[in-house]
């Protein structure tokens, strides 16, 4: 069970890292920025975005709208139809945050390693 999960996590990490490097290099070339610095900033941005995703994924409350569409409007006073989240939905929210949190932290750490503006030692 752990080996397939680790394999999927590594694949997700590799795909996101390679995509970040490619897009960062292309954007760095577009704005004539140093390539190493562009890659570092790309890792910073993607890592922060993934951490935001982990935060919002993990902080979903136990109450969900009932049905497919949300009947409440922005200024509508009528009560919305709500239901309690199932155990599977709550576990999914926690597990999603558990995947995104380390992924975002590793991406930010990669940005620190790639950053040519600041030295680690």
Protein backbone atom coordinates (compact mmCIF):
# COMPACT_ATOMS: atom_id res chain seq x y z
CA UNK A 1 0.00 0.00 0.00
CA UNK A 2 2.82 2.45 0.84
CA UNK A 3 4.90 1.74 -2.25
CA UNK A 4 2.17 2.60 -4.81
CA UNK A 5 1.29 5.73 -2.81
CA UNK A 6 4.95 6.79 -2.73
CA UNK A 7 5.21 6.11 -6.46
CA UNK A 8 2.19 8.33 -7.18
CA UNK A 9 3.56 11.09 -4.94
CA UNK A 10 6.92 11.00 -6.72
CA UNK A 11 5.20 11.12 -10.13
CA UNK A 12 3.12 14.10 -9.01
CA UNK A 13 6.22 15.84 -7.69
CA UNK A 14 8.22 15.18 -10.88
CA UNK A 15 5.42 16.39 -13.16
CA UNK A 16 4.90 19.57 -11.17
CA UNK A 17 8.66 20.21 -10.88
CA UNK A 18 9.36 19.69 -14.59
CA UNK A 19 6.37 21.82 -15.54
CA UNK A 20 7.55 24.56 -13.18
CA UNK A 21 11.06 24.47 -14.61
CA UNK A 22 9.85 24.61 -18.21
CA UNK A 23 7.41 27.47 -17.61
CA UNK A 24 9.94 29.37 -15.49
CA UNK A 25 12.65 29.08 -18.14
CA UNK A 26 10.26 30.23 -20.87
CA UNK A 27 9.07 33.17 -18.79
CA UNK A 28 12.65 34.01 -17.79
CA UNK A 29 13.71 34.06 -21.43
CA UNK A 30 10.71 36.21 -22.27
CA UNK A 31 11.65 38.89 -19.73
CA UNK A 32 15.44 38.44 -20.11
CA UNK A 33 15.94 37.34 -16.51
CA UNK A 34 18.64 34.97 -15.27
CA UNK A 35 17.50 31.37 -15.78
CA UNK A 36 18.46 30.12 -12.31
CA UNK A 37 16.63 33.01 -10.66
CA UNK A 38 13.56 32.42 -12.85
CA UNK A 39 13.46 28.76 -11.84
CA UNK A 40 13.80 29.68 -8.15
CA UNK A 41 10.97 32.21 -8.35
CA UNK A 42 8.86 29.67 -10.23
CA UNK A 43 9.37 27.12 -7.46
CA UNK A 44 8.53 29.77 -4.85
CA UNK A 45 5.30 30.73 -6.63
CA UNK A 46 4.12 27.18 -7.34
CA UNK A 47 5.05 26.05 -3.83
CA UNK A 48 3.08 28.92 -2.27
CA UNK A 49 0.12 28.19 -4.54
CA UNK A 50 0.16 24.52 -3.51
CA UNK A 51 0.36 25.52 0.18
CA UNK A 52 -2.66 27.78 -0.29
CA UNK A 53 -4.45 24.84 -1.86
CA UNK A 54 -3.54 22.66 1.12
CA UNK A 55 -4.86 25.30 3.50
CA UNK A 56 -8.19 25.70 1.76
CA UNK A 57 -8.57 21.99 1.05
CA UNK A 58 -7.96 21.10 4.69
CA UNK A 59 -10.16 23.83 6.16
CA UNK A 60 -13.42 22.84 4.59
CA UNK A 61 -15.99 22.71 7.30
CA UNK A 62 -18.25 19.80 8.15
CA UNK A 63 -21.28 21.41 6.47
CA UNK A 64 -21.90 21.08 2.74
CA UNK A 65 -24.66 22.38 0.46
CA UNK A 66 -27.38 19.86 -0.28
CA UNK A 67 -27.85 19.01 -3.94
CA UNK A 68 -25.78 19.90 -6.98
CA UNK A 69 -26.43 23.63 -7.12
CA UNK A 70 -26.07 26.23 -4.43
CA UNK A 71 -29.41 28.01 -4.04
CA UNK A 72 -28.10 30.84 -1.89
CA UNK A 73 -27.09 34.07 -3.58
CA UNK A 74 -24.69 36.73 -2.47
CA UNK A 75 -27.38 38.87 -0.85
CA UNK A 76 -30.16 36.29 -0.59
CA UNK A 77 -31.61 36.07 2.91
CA UNK A 78 -33.45 32.78 2.49
CA UNK A 79 -31.94 29.79 4.20
CA UNK A 80 -29.88 27.41 2.16
CA UNK A 81 -30.35 23.70 2.30
CA UNK A 82 -27.35 22.26 4.12
CA UNK A 83 -26.20 18.82 5.20
CA UNK A 84 -23.41 17.34 7.27
CA UNK A 85 -20.41 16.05 5.36
CA UNK A 86 -19.97 12.32 5.27
CA UNK A 87 -16.99 10.63 6.88
CA UNK A 88 -15.49 10.01 3.43
CA UNK A 89 -15.75 13.71 2.52
CA UNK A 90 -14.04 14.75 5.75
CA UNK A 91 -11.26 12.19 5.23
CA UNK A 92 -10.83 13.38 1.65
CA UNK A 93 -10.33 16.96 2.83
CA UNK A 94 -7.73 15.90 5.38
CA UNK A 95 -5.95 13.57 2.95
CA UNK A 96 -5.85 16.24 0.25
CA UNK A 97 -4.22 18.67 2.63
CA UNK A 98 -1.78 15.94 3.71
CA UNK A 99 -0.69 15.53 0.09
CA UNK A 100 -0.44 19.21 -0.80
CA UNK A 101 1.34 20.40 2.35
CA UNK A 102 4.61 18.43 1.96
CA UNK A 103 4.54 18.95 -1.79
CA UNK A 104 4.36 22.73 -1.35
CA UNK A 105 7.09 22.74 1.28
CA UNK A 106 9.43 20.67 -0.92
CA UNK A 107 8.80 22.99 -3.87
CA UNK A 108 9.66 26.03 -1.76
CA UNK A 109 12.81 24.28 -0.52
CA UNK A 110 13.76 23.57 -4.13
CA UNK A 111 13.32 27.28 -4.81
CA UNK A 112 15.73 28.02 -1.96
CA UNK A 113 18.26 25.57 -3.41
CA UNK A 114 17.95 26.96 -6.95
CA UNK A 115 18.06 30.60 -5.84
CA UNK A 116 21.29 32.17 -7.07
CA UNK A 117 20.66 35.51 -5.40
CA UNK A 118 21.03 34.15 -1.87
CA UNK A 119 23.57 31.58 -0.77
CA UNK A 120 22.76 28.85 1.73
CA UNK A 121 26.29 28.79 3.15
